[in-house]
Structure formats: C-alpha cells, structure tokens
C-alpha cells in the first residue's frame, strides 16, 4: 500500500496558489486515473484504488498547511501504514526555481512548515517530491515568503503547471513503484 499526500490549504481562496501545488497534482492524478470520489475523513480528503499492482491512497489534508502532520498520521494509522517508505509527500519548495522537481528521501523540513508538521507526527523517513516555486517576482520584489507562497501563479506559470501535471500523470507508475530514477524530472 502506498500513501501519496499532496500538501495545500483548504478553501477556494487558496486555489491555484503556490502553496497548493500538492493539491493540484493529487487532483490531476485523481481525475486522470479515475479514482473513486474523494471521501472526507482523517481531517482530509482521500481516495483509494488498485493500480500498477499496488493499492494507492491519495490524500489531501484539510487542516491548513502548517497543521498537515496530524491528518497524515490519522490516515496512516487507520490503514496500518507503518513503513514510512510507503509515504510520498508532494509539496512546494520556495528555495528551488520554478518548475524544478527534486525527489528526496528522508531528512529535514528545509524550512517548510507543512513538512515540519508531517515530520513532527510521522518521523522523517518518508519520500518527498519537492516542486520549485521560486521566480523572478520573489527575487526582484523582495516579497516576504509567507505572502509569496499564498499568491496565485501567474498566467505563464499556470500554463507550465498544466505541463507539470501531465508529467506526473505520465510518470505515475514510476512514482507508485518508487522508481524515481525513471521519473523524468525537469
């Protein structure tokens, strides 16, 4: 069993914000692979399906970003997912350039408060797929990071995000089977 968690913030006002890229990836996988309708439980939304020889659970915690750890722990406990190697977290990364992807196994939170909370409740031995969101606007305008992550992607970035979603869809089997070296990273 594999648990794939996308981080984000609940509510329409956060839709298409940089912090919600994890939710967007989960939504695109849900739609493309015809997962069952999301169920509301564990302080989040989840759906479960068998694909590629695995039982896959996709999950979006509905607590705010910085409180994502407890919902992840609740769903892990319910499905008896004791092996943290079967947890894959998808989230934004402010320190990486926009549209870059990095897969990381284990380690710290890198200043990301959502990841910090997941580590607090679950330990740090899980996989993270980090998606870069840093752009010239952040660098030139010197906008505070807490405002930048809650800002919406611009039109050019939105178009590239659609390509990013397709990349995750095309590489979903590699992601599920943790064959990250085959995942075509940008």
N, C-alpha and C. Protein backbone atom coordinates (compact mmCIF):
# COMPACT_ATOMS: atom_id res chain seq x y z
N UNK A 1 0.84 -1.18 0.00
CA UNK A 1 0.00 0.00 0.00
C UNK A 1 0.89 1.24 0.00
N UNK A 2 0.52 2.20 -0.83
CA UNK A 2 1.27 3.45 -0.96
C UNK A 2 0.34 4.60 -0.63
N UNK A 3 0.79 5.53 0.20
CA UNK A 3 0.05 6.73 0.53
C UNK A 3 0.75 7.92 -0.12
N UNK A 4 0.04 8.60 -1.00
CA UNK A 4 0.58 9.78 -1.68
C UNK A 4 -0.20 10.99 -1.19
N UNK A 5 0.51 11.91 -0.55
CA UNK A 5 -0.11 13.07 0.07
C UNK A 5 0.33 14.33 -0.66
N UNK A 6 -0.63 15.14 -1.04
CA UNK A 6 -0.34 16.45 -1.61
C UNK A 6 -0.66 17.51 -0.58
N UNK A 7 0.30 18.40 -0.31
CA UNK A 7 0.06 19.45 0.67
C UNK A 7 -0.57 20.68 0.03
N UNK A 8 -1.38 21.37 0.82
CA UNK A 8 -2.03 22.59 0.37
C UNK A 8 -2.87 23.16 1.49
N UNK A 9 -3.64 24.19 1.15
CA UNK A 9 -4.56 24.81 2.09
C UNK A 9 -5.98 24.64 1.58
N UNK A 10 -6.94 24.38 2.48
CA UNK A 10 -8.32 24.22 2.04
C UNK A 10 -8.97 25.57 1.73
N UNK A 11 -9.96 25.55 0.86
CA UNK A 11 -10.73 26.76 0.57
C UNK A 11 -10.46 27.31 -0.81
N UNK A 12 -11.51 27.88 -1.40
CA UNK A 12 -11.42 28.44 -2.75
C UNK A 12 -10.38 29.56 -2.86
N UNK A 13 -10.23 30.34 -1.79
CA UNK A 13 -9.29 31.47 -1.86
C UNK A 13 -7.84 31.03 -2.04
N UNK A 14 -7.55 29.76 -1.77
CA UNK A 14 -6.18 29.25 -1.92
C UNK A 14 -5.97 28.46 -3.21
N UNK A 15 -7.04 28.29 -3.96
CA UNK A 15 -6.93 27.55 -5.21
C UNK A 15 -5.95 28.26 -6.15
N UNK A 16 -5.07 27.49 -6.75
CA UNK A 16 -4.04 27.97 -7.69
C UNK A 16 -2.96 28.82 -7.03
N UNK A 17 -2.83 28.76 -5.71
CA UNK A 17 -1.71 29.44 -5.07
C UNK A 17 -0.49 28.52 -5.09
N UNK A 18 0.65 29.13 -4.91
CA UNK A 18 1.90 28.36 -4.98
C UNK A 18 1.96 27.27 -3.92
N UNK A 19 1.41 27.55 -2.75
CA UNK A 19 1.44 26.56 -1.66
C UNK A 19 0.54 25.36 -1.96
N UNK A 20 -0.36 25.47 -2.94
CA UNK A 20 -1.32 24.40 -3.20
C UNK A 20 -0.95 23.50 -4.36
N UNK A 21 0.28 23.53 -4.79
CA UNK A 21 0.70 22.71 -5.92
C UNK A 21 0.51 21.22 -5.59
N UNK A 22 0.69 20.83 -4.35
CA UNK A 22 0.47 19.42 -3.96
C UNK A 22 -0.96 19.00 -4.19
N UNK A 23 -1.92 19.85 -3.82
CA UNK A 23 -3.33 19.57 -4.06
C UNK A 23 -3.61 19.43 -5.56
N UNK A 24 -3.02 20.32 -6.35
CA UNK A 24 -3.26 20.29 -7.80
C UNK A 24 -2.76 18.99 -8.43
N UNK A 25 -1.61 18.53 -7.99
CA UNK A 25 -1.06 17.27 -8.53
C UNK A 25 -1.99 16.11 -8.14
N UNK A 26 -2.41 16.07 -6.88
CA UNK A 26 -3.31 15.00 -6.43
C UNK A 26 -4.62 15.04 -7.23
N UNK A 27 -5.17 16.23 -7.43
CA UNK A 27 -6.43 16.35 -8.20
C UNK A 27 -6.26 15.84 -9.63
N UNK A 28 -5.15 16.15 -10.25
CA UNK A 28 -4.95 15.71 -11.64
C UNK A 28 -4.79 14.20 -11.72
N UNK A 29 -4.09 13.59 -10.75
CA UNK A 29 -3.95 12.13 -10.72
C UNK A 29 -5.31 11.48 -10.46
N UNK A 30 -6.07 12.05 -9.55
CA UNK A 30 -7.41 11.56 -9.22
C UNK A 30 -8.29 11.53 -10.47
N UNK A 31 -8.30 12.61 -11.21
CA UNK A 31 -9.15 12.72 -12.40
C UNK A 31 -8.67 11.80 -13.53
N UNK A 32 -7.37 11.85 -13.80
CA UNK A 32 -6.86 11.09 -14.94
C UNK A 32 -7.00 9.58 -14.75
N UNK A 33 -6.72 9.10 -13.55
CA UNK A 33 -6.75 7.66 -13.29
C UNK A 33 -8.09 7.19 -12.74
N UNK A 34 -9.10 8.04 -12.80
CA UNK A 34 -10.47 7.69 -12.40
C UNK A 34 -10.54 7.06 -11.00
N UNK A 35 -9.88 7.70 -10.06
CA UNK A 35 -10.01 7.28 -8.67
C UNK A 35 -11.46 7.49 -8.25
N UNK A 36 -11.96 6.71 -7.28
CA UNK A 36 -13.31 6.96 -6.76
C UNK A 36 -13.43 8.37 -6.17
N UNK A 37 -14.65 8.82 -5.99
CA UNK A 37 -14.91 10.14 -5.41
C UNK A 37 -14.17 10.25 -4.08
N UNK A 38 -13.59 11.41 -3.81
CA UNK A 38 -12.91 11.63 -2.54
C UNK A 38 -13.89 11.44 -1.39
N UNK A 39 -13.40 10.80 -0.33
CA UNK A 39 -14.16 10.68 0.91
C UNK A 39 -13.55 11.62 1.94
N UNK A 40 -14.40 12.24 2.74
CA UNK A 40 -13.92 13.14 3.78
C UNK A 40 -13.76 12.37 5.08
N UNK A 41 -12.51 12.24 5.51
CA UNK A 41 -12.18 11.52 6.74
C UNK A 41 -10.73 11.84 7.10
N UNK A 42 -10.37 11.64 8.33
CA UNK A 42 -8.99 11.87 8.80
C UNK A 42 -8.58 13.33 8.67
N UNK A 43 -9.53 14.25 8.79
CA UNK A 43 -9.26 15.69 8.59
C UNK A 43 -8.70 15.95 7.19
N UNK A 44 -9.25 15.24 6.22
CA UNK A 44 -8.80 15.42 4.85
C UNK A 44 -9.72 14.72 3.87
N UNK A 45 -9.28 14.69 2.62
CA UNK A 45 -9.99 14.00 1.55
C UNK A 45 -9.08 12.91 1.00
N UNK A 46 -9.63 11.70 0.89
CA UNK A 46 -8.81 10.61 0.36
C UNK A 46 -9.61 9.79 -0.63
N UNK A 47 -8.87 9.07 -1.47
CA UNK A 47 -9.45 8.12 -2.41
C UNK A 47 -8.46 6.97 -2.54
N UNK A 48 -8.99 5.79 -2.79
CA UNK A 48 -8.15 4.58 -2.83
C UNK A 48 -8.48 3.79 -4.08
N UNK A 49 -7.44 3.26 -4.72
CA UNK A 49 -7.62 2.47 -5.94
C UNK A 49 -6.44 1.54 -6.11
N UNK A 50 -6.68 0.38 -6.74
CA UNK A 50 -5.59 -0.53 -7.10
C UNK A 50 -5.14 -0.20 -8.52
N UNK A 51 -3.86 0.06 -8.65
CA UNK A 51 -3.23 0.36 -9.94
C UNK A 51 -1.79 -0.15 -9.90
N UNK A 52 -1.30 -0.58 -11.04
CA UNK A 52 0.11 -0.95 -11.16
C UNK A 52 0.53 -1.99 -10.13
N UNK A 53 -0.39 -2.86 -9.73
CA UNK A 53 -0.07 -3.89 -8.76
C UNK A 53 0.02 -3.41 -7.33
N UNK A 54 -0.46 -2.21 -7.05
CA UNK A 54 -0.40 -1.62 -5.70
C UNK A 54 -1.75 -1.06 -5.32
N UNK A 55 -2.01 -1.03 -4.02
CA UNK A 55 -3.13 -0.25 -3.50
C UNK A 55 -2.60 1.15 -3.24
N UNK A 56 -3.22 2.13 -3.89
CA UNK A 56 -2.76 3.51 -3.81
C UNK A 56 -3.83 4.34 -3.11
N UNK A 57 -3.40 5.09 -2.12
CA UNK A 57 -4.28 6.05 -1.45
C UNK A 57 -3.72 7.43 -1.76
N UNK A 58 -4.59 8.30 -2.30
CA UNK A 58 -4.19 9.69 -2.49
C UNK A 58 -4.94 10.50 -1.43
N UNK A 59 -4.26 11.52 -0.90
CA UNK A 59 -4.79 12.22 0.27
C UNK A 59 -4.43 13.70 0.23
N UNK A 60 -5.43 14.52 0.59
CA UNK A 60 -5.23 15.97 0.74
C UNK A 60 -5.67 16.35 2.16
N UNK A 61 -4.73 16.65 3.06
CA UNK A 61 -5.10 17.09 4.40
C UNK A 61 -5.89 18.40 4.32
N UNK A 62 -6.96 18.52 5.09
CA UNK A 62 -7.78 19.73 5.04
C UNK A 62 -7.54 20.67 6.20
N UNK A 63 -6.59 20.33 7.08
CA UNK A 63 -6.12 21.32 8.04
C UNK A 63 -5.25 22.27 7.23
N UNK A 64 -4.98 23.43 7.74
CA UNK A 64 -4.12 24.33 6.98
C UNK A 64 -2.72 23.73 6.88
N UNK A 65 -1.97 24.20 5.90
CA UNK A 65 -0.67 23.65 5.55
C UNK A 65 0.19 23.32 6.76
N UNK A 66 0.29 24.27 7.69
CA UNK A 66 1.20 24.10 8.82
C UNK A 66 0.71 23.08 9.84
N UNK A 67 -0.48 22.52 9.62
CA UNK A 67 -1.05 21.52 10.53
C UNK A 67 -1.35 20.22 9.79
N UNK A 68 -0.53 19.88 8.82
CA UNK A 68 -0.75 18.70 7.97
C UNK A 68 -0.34 17.38 8.62
N UNK A 69 0.48 17.42 9.64
CA UNK A 69 1.05 16.20 10.21
C UNK A 69 0.04 15.28 10.86
N UNK A 70 -0.88 15.83 11.64
CA UNK A 70 -1.87 15.00 12.33
C UNK A 70 -2.78 14.26 11.36
N UNK A 71 -3.33 14.92 10.32
CA UNK A 71 -4.14 14.16 9.36
C UNK A 71 -3.37 13.03 8.67
N UNK A 72 -2.12 13.27 8.34
CA UNK A 72 -1.30 12.22 7.72
C UNK A 72 -1.13 11.06 8.69
N UNK A 73 -0.90 11.35 9.95
CA UNK A 73 -0.77 10.31 10.97
C UNK A 73 -2.06 9.51 11.12
N UNK A 74 -3.20 10.20 11.11
CA UNK A 74 -4.50 9.53 11.26
C UNK A 74 -4.76 8.55 10.12
N UNK A 75 -4.50 8.95 8.89
CA UNK A 75 -4.76 8.05 7.76
C UNK A 75 -3.76 6.91 7.75
N UNK A 76 -2.51 7.17 8.12
CA UNK A 76 -1.50 6.10 8.21
C UNK A 76 -1.92 5.07 9.26
N UNK A 77 -2.36 5.55 10.41
CA UNK A 77 -2.77 4.64 11.48
C UNK A 77 -3.98 3.81 11.05
N UNK A 78 -4.95 4.43 10.43
CA UNK A 78 -6.17 3.73 10.02
C UNK A 78 -5.84 2.59 9.04
N UNK A 79 -4.99 2.87 8.08
CA UNK A 79 -4.64 1.87 7.07
C UNK A 79 -3.42 1.03 7.47
N UNK A 80 -2.97 1.20 8.71
CA UNK A 80 -1.83 0.44 9.25
C UNK A 80 -0.60 0.54 8.35
N UNK A 81 -0.33 1.75 7.92
CA UNK A 81 0.82 2.03 7.07
C UNK A 81 2.01 2.40 7.97
N UNK A 82 2.66 1.37 8.48
CA UNK A 82 3.74 1.58 9.44
C UNK A 82 5.07 1.92 8.78
N UNK A 83 5.27 1.44 7.57
CA UNK A 83 6.53 1.67 6.87
C UNK A 83 6.50 3.06 6.22
N UNK A 84 7.30 3.97 6.75
CA UNK A 84 7.32 5.34 6.20
C UNK A 84 7.84 5.40 4.77
N UNK A 85 8.51 4.35 4.31
CA UNK A 85 8.95 4.31 2.91
C UNK A 85 7.77 4.22 1.95
N UNK A 86 6.59 3.94 2.49
CA UNK A 86 5.39 3.88 1.66
C UNK A 86 4.59 5.18 1.70
N UNK A 87 5.18 6.23 2.24
CA UNK A 87 4.59 7.56 2.27
C UNK A 87 5.36 8.46 1.32
N UNK A 88 4.64 9.08 0.38
CA UNK A 88 5.24 10.02 -0.56
C UNK A 88 4.50 11.34 -0.41
N UNK A 89 5.24 12.39 -0.09
CA UNK A 89 4.68 13.71 0.14
C UNK A 89 5.03 14.62 -1.04
N UNK A 90 4.04 15.29 -1.60
CA UNK A 90 4.25 16.21 -2.72
C UNK A 90 3.98 17.62 -2.20
N UNK A 91 4.98 18.51 -2.37
CA UNK A 91 4.83 19.87 -1.83
C UNK A 91 5.68 20.88 -2.60
N UNK A 92 5.35 22.14 -2.38
CA UNK A 92 6.11 23.24 -2.98
C UNK A 92 7.44 23.41 -2.26
N UNK A 93 8.39 24.03 -2.95
CA UNK A 93 9.68 24.35 -2.34
C UNK A 93 10.10 25.75 -2.77
N UNK A 94 10.16 26.64 -1.83
CA UNK A 94 10.48 28.04 -2.07
C UNK A 94 11.93 28.26 -2.46
N UNK A 95 12.80 27.34 -2.11
CA UNK A 95 14.23 27.51 -2.38
C UNK A 95 14.66 26.99 -3.75
N UNK A 96 13.74 26.34 -4.46
CA UNK A 96 14.06 25.80 -5.79
C UNK A 96 13.39 26.65 -6.86
N UNK A 97 14.05 26.78 -8.00
CA UNK A 97 13.48 27.54 -9.11
C UNK A 97 12.18 26.94 -9.58
N UNK A 98 11.31 27.81 -10.06
CA UNK A 98 10.01 27.39 -10.54
C UNK A 98 10.13 26.24 -11.54
N UNK A 99 9.29 25.24 -11.37
CA UNK A 99 9.13 24.13 -12.29
C UNK A 99 10.20 23.04 -12.14
N UNK A 100 11.12 23.22 -11.24
CA UNK A 100 12.12 22.18 -10.97
C UNK A 100 11.52 21.17 -10.00
N UNK A 101 11.92 19.91 -10.15
CA UNK A 101 11.44 18.85 -9.28
C UNK A 101 12.63 18.15 -8.67
N UNK A 102 12.50 17.84 -7.40
CA UNK A 102 13.55 17.08 -6.72
C UNK A 102 12.90 16.03 -5.84
N UNK A 103 13.39 14.82 -5.93
CA UNK A 103 12.91 13.74 -5.06
C UNK A 103 13.94 13.59 -3.94
N UNK A 104 13.42 13.58 -2.73
CA UNK A 104 14.29 13.46 -1.56
C UNK A 104 13.77 12.34 -0.68
N UNK A 105 14.69 11.58 -0.17
CA UNK A 105 14.35 10.50 0.77
C UNK A 105 14.88 10.90 2.13
N UNK A 106 14.01 10.95 3.10
CA UNK A 106 14.39 11.24 4.48
C UNK A 106 14.89 12.67 4.63
N UNK A 107 15.31 13.02 5.82
CA UNK A 107 15.91 14.32 6.06
C UNK A 107 14.98 15.30 6.75
N UNK A 108 15.42 16.55 6.78
CA UNK A 108 14.71 17.60 7.49
C UNK A 108 13.61 18.24 6.67
N UNK A 109 13.10 19.33 7.19
CA UNK A 109 11.96 20.01 6.58
C UNK A 109 12.36 21.12 5.63
N UNK A 110 13.62 21.56 5.67
CA UNK A 110 14.08 22.61 4.77
C UNK A 110 13.36 23.93 4.94
N UNK A 111 12.82 24.19 6.13
CA UNK A 111 12.12 25.44 6.38
C UNK A 111 10.65 25.43 5.99
N UNK A 112 10.17 24.33 5.45
CA UNK A 112 8.76 24.21 5.03
C UNK A 112 7.93 23.77 6.24
N UNK A 113 7.02 24.64 6.69
CA UNK A 113 6.28 24.35 7.92
C UNK A 113 5.30 23.19 7.78
N UNK A 114 4.77 22.96 6.59
CA UNK A 114 3.91 21.80 6.39
C UNK A 114 4.69 20.51 6.53
N UNK A 115 5.88 20.46 5.93
CA UNK A 115 6.74 19.29 6.05
C UNK A 115 7.21 19.13 7.49
N UNK A 116 7.51 20.23 8.14
CA UNK A 116 7.92 20.20 9.55
C UNK A 116 6.85 19.49 10.40
N UNK A 117 5.57 19.82 10.15
CA UNK A 117 4.50 19.23 10.94
C UNK A 117 4.31 17.75 10.60
N UNK A 118 4.48 17.39 9.34
CA UNK A 118 4.39 15.98 8.96
C UNK A 118 5.50 15.19 9.67
N UNK A 119 6.69 15.73 9.72
CA UNK A 119 7.80 15.09 10.43
C UNK A 119 7.50 14.97 11.92
N UNK A 120 6.94 16.03 12.50
CA UNK A 120 6.61 16.03 13.93
C UNK A 120 5.72 14.85 14.31
N UNK A 121 4.73 14.54 13.47
CA UNK A 121 3.77 13.49 13.79
C UNK A 121 4.13 12.12 13.21
N UNK A 122 5.01 12.08 12.22
CA UNK A 122 5.24 10.84 11.49
C UNK A 122 6.70 10.40 11.39
N UNK A 123 7.62 11.23 11.83
CA UNK A 123 9.03 10.92 11.62
C UNK A 123 9.48 11.46 10.27
N UNK A 124 10.75 11.28 9.97
CA UNK A 124 11.29 11.91 8.76
C UNK A 124 11.68 10.93 7.65
N UNK A 125 11.43 9.65 7.84
CA UNK A 125 11.90 8.66 6.88
C UNK A 125 10.90 8.37 5.76
N UNK A 126 10.40 9.41 5.12
CA UNK A 126 9.47 9.26 4.00
C UNK A 126 10.03 9.99 2.78
N UNK A 127 9.43 9.73 1.64
CA UNK A 127 9.86 10.38 0.40
C UNK A 127 9.14 11.71 0.24
N UNK A 128 9.87 12.69 -0.32
CA UNK A 128 9.27 13.98 -0.63
C UNK A 128 9.52 14.27 -2.10
N UNK A 129 8.51 14.75 -2.76
CA UNK A 129 8.69 15.26 -4.12
C UNK A 129 8.47 16.76 -4.02
N UNK A 130 9.57 17.47 -4.17
CA UNK A 130 9.57 18.91 -4.00
C UNK A 130 9.45 19.58 -5.36
N UNK A 131 8.55 20.55 -5.45
CA UNK A 131 8.32 21.28 -6.70
C UNK A 131 8.71 22.73 -6.47
N UNK A 132 9.68 23.21 -7.23
CA UNK A 132 10.16 24.58 -7.07
C UNK A 132 9.12 25.61 -7.47
N UNK A 133 9.04 26.68 -6.66
CA UNK A 133 8.09 27.76 -6.95
C UNK A 133 8.78 29.13 -7.03
N UNK A 134 10.07 29.20 -6.73
CA UNK A 134 10.78 30.48 -6.74
C UNK A 134 10.81 31.06 -8.15
N UNK A 135 10.57 32.37 -8.25
CA UNK A 135 10.63 33.03 -9.56
C UNK A 135 11.23 34.43 -9.42
N UNK A 136 11.31 35.15 -10.54
CA UNK A 136 11.89 36.50 -10.53
C UNK A 136 11.11 37.46 -9.64
N UNK A 137 9.79 37.28 -9.58
CA UNK A 137 8.97 38.17 -8.75
C UNK A 137 9.44 38.11 -7.30
N UNK A 138 9.70 36.93 -6.81
CA UNK A 138 10.18 36.77 -5.44
C UNK A 138 11.57 37.40 -5.30
N UNK A 139 12.42 37.15 -6.27
CA UNK A 139 13.79 37.64 -6.19
C UNK A 139 13.87 39.16 -6.33
N UNK A 140 13.13 39.75 -7.28
CA UNK A 140 13.23 41.18 -7.56
C UNK A 140 12.41 42.04 -6.62
N UNK A 141 11.23 41.60 -6.28
CA UNK A 141 10.32 42.41 -5.46
C UNK A 141 10.62 42.29 -3.97
N UNK A 142 11.38 41.30 -3.60
CA UNK A 142 11.70 41.06 -2.19
C UNK A 142 10.42 40.89 -1.36
N UNK A 143 9.44 40.22 -1.94
CA UNK A 143 8.20 39.92 -1.25
C UNK A 143 8.48 38.92 -0.13
N UNK A 144 7.81 39.06 0.97
CA UNK A 144 8.02 38.15 2.08
C UNK A 144 7.53 36.76 1.69
N UNK A 145 8.29 35.73 2.04
CA UNK A 145 7.94 34.36 1.64
C UNK A 145 6.53 33.94 2.03
N UNK A 146 6.06 34.33 3.22
CA UNK A 146 4.73 33.92 3.66
C UNK A 146 3.61 34.50 2.79
N UNK A 147 3.89 35.62 2.14
CA UNK A 147 2.92 36.19 1.20
C UNK A 147 3.07 35.58 -0.19
N UNK A 148 4.31 35.32 -0.56
CA UNK A 148 4.60 34.75 -1.88
C UNK A 148 3.95 33.38 -2.06
N UNK A 149 4.04 32.52 -1.05
CA UNK A 149 3.50 31.16 -1.18
C UNK A 149 1.98 31.16 -1.27
N UNK A 150 1.34 32.21 -0.76
CA UNK A 150 -0.12 32.29 -0.81
C UNK A 150 -0.62 33.10 -2.00
N UNK A 151 0.32 33.57 -2.83
CA UNK A 151 -0.02 34.29 -4.05
C UNK A 151 -0.33 33.28 -5.16
N UNK A 152 -1.16 33.66 -6.09
CA UNK A 152 -1.52 32.75 -7.18
C UNK A 152 -0.43 32.74 -8.25
N UNK A 153 -0.31 31.62 -8.94
CA UNK A 153 0.60 31.53 -10.08
C UNK A 153 0.14 32.51 -11.15
N UNK A 154 1.08 33.10 -11.86
CA UNK A 154 0.70 33.98 -12.97
C UNK A 154 0.28 33.14 -14.18
N UNK A 155 -0.23 33.77 -15.22
CA UNK A 155 -0.77 33.06 -16.37
C UNK A 155 0.29 32.17 -17.04
N UNK A 156 1.49 32.68 -17.21
CA UNK A 156 2.57 31.90 -17.82
C UNK A 156 2.87 30.66 -16.96
N UNK A 157 2.95 30.86 -15.65
CA UNK A 157 3.22 29.73 -14.75
C UNK A 157 2.07 28.72 -14.78
N UNK A 158 0.83 29.20 -14.85
CA UNK A 158 -0.33 28.29 -14.91
C UNK A 158 -0.22 27.35 -16.11
N UNK A 159 0.22 27.88 -17.24
CA UNK A 159 0.37 27.05 -18.44
C UNK A 159 1.44 25.98 -18.21
N UNK A 160 2.50 26.35 -17.55
CA UNK A 160 3.56 25.38 -17.28
C UNK A 160 3.13 24.35 -16.24
N UNK A 161 2.28 24.77 -15.31
CA UNK A 161 1.76 23.84 -14.30
C UNK A 161 0.95 22.73 -14.99
N UNK A 162 0.23 23.09 -16.03
CA UNK A 162 -0.53 22.06 -16.77
C UNK A 162 0.42 21.01 -17.33
N UNK A 163 1.58 21.44 -17.82
CA UNK A 163 2.60 20.51 -18.30
C UNK A 163 3.16 19.67 -17.16
N UNK A 164 3.31 20.28 -16.00
CA UNK A 164 3.80 19.56 -14.83
C UNK A 164 2.83 18.46 -14.42
N UNK A 165 1.55 18.76 -14.45
CA UNK A 165 0.53 17.76 -14.12
C UNK A 165 0.62 16.58 -15.09
N UNK A 166 0.80 16.87 -16.37
CA UNK A 166 0.94 15.79 -17.36
C UNK A 166 2.18 14.95 -17.07
N UNK A 167 3.25 15.58 -16.65
CA UNK A 167 4.47 14.86 -16.29
C UNK A 167 4.20 13.88 -15.16
N UNK A 168 3.46 14.31 -14.14
CA UNK A 168 3.13 13.42 -13.03
C UNK A 168 2.22 12.28 -13.49
N UNK A 169 1.29 12.59 -14.36
CA UNK A 169 0.39 11.56 -14.88
C UNK A 169 1.19 10.52 -15.67
N UNK A 170 2.08 10.97 -16.54
CA UNK A 170 2.87 10.07 -17.37
C UNK A 170 3.83 9.22 -16.54
N UNK A 171 4.28 9.74 -15.42
CA UNK A 171 5.27 9.05 -14.59
C UNK A 171 4.67 8.45 -13.32
N UNK A 172 3.35 8.38 -13.26
CA UNK A 172 2.69 7.94 -12.03
C UNK A 172 3.09 6.52 -11.63
N UNK A 173 3.22 5.63 -12.59
CA UNK A 173 3.61 4.25 -12.26
C UNK A 173 5.00 4.22 -11.62
N UNK A 174 5.93 5.03 -12.15
CA UNK A 174 7.27 5.09 -11.56
C UNK A 174 7.21 5.63 -10.13
N UNK A 175 6.37 6.63 -9.93
CA UNK A 175 6.22 7.23 -8.61
C UNK A 175 5.68 6.19 -7.63
N UNK A 176 4.61 5.49 -8.02
CA UNK A 176 3.98 4.47 -7.16
C UNK A 176 4.97 3.37 -6.81
N UNK A 177 5.75 2.94 -7.77
CA UNK A 177 6.72 1.87 -7.56
C UNK A 177 8.06 2.37 -7.03
N UNK A 178 8.12 3.66 -6.73
CA UNK A 178 9.31 4.32 -6.18
C UNK A 178 10.54 4.11 -7.06
N UNK A 179 10.31 4.13 -8.35
CA UNK A 179 11.42 4.05 -9.31
C UNK A 179 11.73 5.48 -9.76
N UNK A 180 12.18 6.27 -8.81
CA UNK A 180 12.36 7.70 -9.04
C UNK A 180 13.42 7.99 -10.09
N UNK A 181 14.37 7.09 -10.26
CA UNK A 181 15.41 7.32 -11.27
C UNK A 181 14.82 7.28 -12.68
N UNK A 182 13.66 6.63 -12.86
CA UNK A 182 12.99 6.59 -14.16
C UNK A 182 12.02 7.75 -14.35
N UNK A 183 11.68 8.41 -13.25
CA UNK A 183 10.79 9.55 -13.29
C UNK A 183 11.49 10.67 -14.05
N UNK A 184 10.88 11.14 -15.10
CA UNK A 184 11.51 12.17 -15.94
C UNK A 184 11.41 13.52 -15.25
N UNK A 185 12.45 13.84 -14.48
CA UNK A 185 12.46 15.08 -13.70
C UNK A 185 12.95 16.22 -14.56
N UNK A 186 12.29 17.34 -14.40
CA UNK A 186 12.62 18.54 -15.18
C UNK A 186 13.88 19.17 -14.62
